[in-house]
């Protein structure tokens, strides 16, 4: 039976009568009616049929006069299979318009389907088995009755007894602007089956990187035919009674200021074989390794996109390589409500598509068990459909004019840089985004969101409204004019006086998110810029401080200051340390800040340091290790001739581009990595660490690895375990230290009582453009606090420490020292005795209220109650010792003088060496000369020598205390690490960067700088380390013995002082025994 109703006006009695006949037909062949009016306001003739009577549905496109060869006349991509529908579901019901998506009716258990489309002429619900989906054919196709199954702009139907293994999508018919140029922006394509934007799970293939059926990608003849965009379909909601068991899980609601965020990629976290997990690259695999994150000390993970995306979007062979390009990062969303299916181990093993939902919930639950919050990186600025050449997947085929920001001619605005821009502030889209966020909070218990290119959320939307035209003149007329007809043609409006895309001072979407009661305690983080140059950092609409921001200015300031760039960086660095009050507290915008001087004026200032998400590296740009190893990006592996990626990296390669065997360059790079990490974790605000930076992951200078599914983007668990330079230990301890220090976790900015700034002398900071020193004390409010100093020059600094009555300064961090003495903490690597001994070695400096800071290094000292007995002993010993006594050829020497002379290249002379006679201390200027010689001669650090610990600057003080401490300072601080590391030290490792053995120094001819450097390079690392340790132990033994001899009669020495001295001698003797001396 053929039903055709050409020429019928919508809603007419004849049309309704004809459709009623269709419902009684046993075998029906349905043909859509042609357009009914020139303005295309007509509705097609599809009607709903009882499922038991559907034998086949043949879809024929209407004949359109606008184009002889149109999109609608092309072959359907998913042909109906012709299976009897009665085996899949019961008699169809009308359904409800809300909620959108597929949901279970609480009363009947039937599945309600609801989808928005304001411009569709007809909609069909398409059902698939997985086999038919893979074959590119529809299993069942049910046309919806526009008079029964449409409420406003929402199409709906309810199916009882529906098989739960089926998948679904929609076929939407309407105008395509290529068919009729009078309707710009409309892009319906009846050939396609499109995804429900509210789908809770998506299936198109099961395993990462798996090819799909050979279906067209984009417009035919433009991107060709590829198996990289297989037909996708949505899973049905889980049946009643199958709810995930959260076992009482509740939101952690950690204070924002307490967070240490770890930016991670689900697949990249465990994809490498060395991860050792059962299901690499999956949610389940990540669960297996969560204990590592807990031990690291982070308490929040920010996951790169986990919404459904197509990893094969860019799939192509990289020119000149056997590698292929992938969409690895996932910043190109296909569906926003569903977890990425190919991140699910269960789905990959054949489980239903919705198994990915439970697997992701398990990940969140396990994170919460470990005290770790989950923040999702969400991309509401564009979709995977791209520009007009991209594929029709979902939004474009449903209602292109509503979902995307369009120009009057139907062109896509491209504020995202990815081909299209979501129309975020359009009411329907705004509600869609709100519903999505609330879905992830209520259904998945996520704790927060980071919004990619969030400034797009503030832009005015485009809007199309129907108009009336006179039938004769074609002129637009008032709605009340006689002889006018209503057409479906839309006219672009400017949003009540605001042009499309203009940044709004009060963006409706951002306000709705900020004020939504369900999202009230959810953390919101904005990447407050977009690809059209709108930068809102410091003035993103925050509605009472609800939003924090990625602080890109922090990144740039820290990089520039740490590498020693001329400019205002010292003052800017000090501000960054404080949490950027110039950005988040100051309500007076800079004259060059367009947004803050215009629409964003009301949002400038008024927030605390926790508004600043601090980072020095992220997934975009150089890794931490590459930041100190490359001056320029090296993105050749991306296949774009190195044109892609950020040009301004503010990096410094420390003297040589890329990998090098020069240990002095590698040593400096290790120090700079610690300095950058110290700046990050010692600053107020909320720090974020990029995955892999905690062990020094390198991407070989590639700063845009979005397309690599390879070791470039994988966490290397094998390298993490090796940790040859002790950097992972340093990062872990510094994270734990930060979390245990309330003074660094602030909701308000510091004032003059909290912090004081210093230079080489207390309270004398240098904020000039050539300053390379920033030092400060931070009070904890309980009488204690920290002294922190960053020296980013190529010269050492002898800093005078502020005097706090009744307290002393104890070393905690010194990035110039080799591991594990770069961070003094009892952690299984260093014992309590090791830490105490190391602190005593520096006590002569701190007792004199001084501390030597080597070039390109950072120190952290802790204030502790003074021990009067220990302080008295140190001072008495200093007064007695002075220069070492003269002796014969075999007598003791002053090792400090020998070390200084050796580093400065002075040849050893008779009576002045490790086995020689007396020698005095060098001058303050002499130490500078030594450092200048030792730390490079080309002015830019190209030949920088690695750290030699306190020995390099120990004699910069002429005080008796410093001279008395010279023996211990000269070598013990580094030698204590040598016995542990020397046996396994790799070539040119940090543990080999020690003073050469005394015998080598006494050879005479090898004393100049070039010769002793060559000698060090020739020295086997383990042997060099052991020999240096032995020299240091001997030096320490001599100095302690001389102190004990001077007080052998106990005159003037208290019992406590004597006990402390004896303890130091016992520790030194233990060190000598370990070395076999």
Foldseek 3Di string as FASTA:
>chain_A
DEDEDAQDAPPDPVLVVSQVVVQVDQEYEYEWYAQNDPQRPAATNDAFYFQQRYQAYDYAFHDAPQDPDDLARDAAQAAEPRDRCVVFFGTKDQADQPDAAWDADPPQRWIKHKAFFQFFRWKKKFKDALVSLLVRYTHDITTYHCVRQDDRRMGMMITHPGDQRMWIFMQTDGDDCVRPLLAAQAHAHRSATAEGLQFQFKDRDAAPPDFTPFADWFDDPPPHTGRQDRAMTGGHDDGPPPAACLVPDAAPLDDLLLFAEAEAEQQQAFVDPVLVAPQHRALVSVLVCVVVVLLLQGAEYEYQAFAADRQCLQWDDFPPDPDTFTQRRRLAHLHLNYGHNNRHPCSNVPDRRCVSLNSLLVSQSSSVVSNHAYEYEDEQFHHNQAWNRGDRHHDSNRYRQQQWAADQSNGADCQAVRHTTGQCLRVVNLVSVVVSVLSCCVSRVHAAYEYDQCQSLQWHGKDWDWFKAAPPPRHTDDPPDPNIDTRPHTGIDQRVPHRGGHGALCRPSQVCCCPPPSCVSHAYEYQQHTNVGQHQQLQDPCPQPRYAYAPVVLLLLLLQLLQQHFDLSQVVLVCQQQLNCVRAADLDDDPPNVCCVPSRSVRHHDFASQSYADENDALAFFALLQLQQAPAADASSVNPNNPDGDGDRSGHRLAHHFDDQQLQSVQLSQQSLLSSLCSQLSGAYHYYHYQQSLLRQGLRRHRNSSTDPDPSSHRDVVSVVPSQQCSNVSSSVSSVVSSVQVLRSDRHTDDPVFKAWCDLEGRDDDSHSNDSKTWMWGDRVPQKTKIKMFGADLFKGKHQADDRPQKWWFWAAKSQATPPLRGQDDDPLAHPLRSVLLRVLCVLQRLRRIDMHHHSIMTMIIIDGDDVQQSVLLVVLLVPCAWDAFDAQQDAEQLLQQLQQLLLLHAADAQHARRHTTDHFDELVSLRSSSCSQQDDPRSSNPGGGHAFCSSRLRNDPGSSSSLSRLSRNAVSLLVCLLVSLVPNDQSGSLLSYDFARVVRNPGVQRGNVSVVVVSNPDGSSVRSLRSSLSSLVSVLVSLVVSCVSCVVVPPRDPSSVVVSVVSNVVSVVSCVSSVD
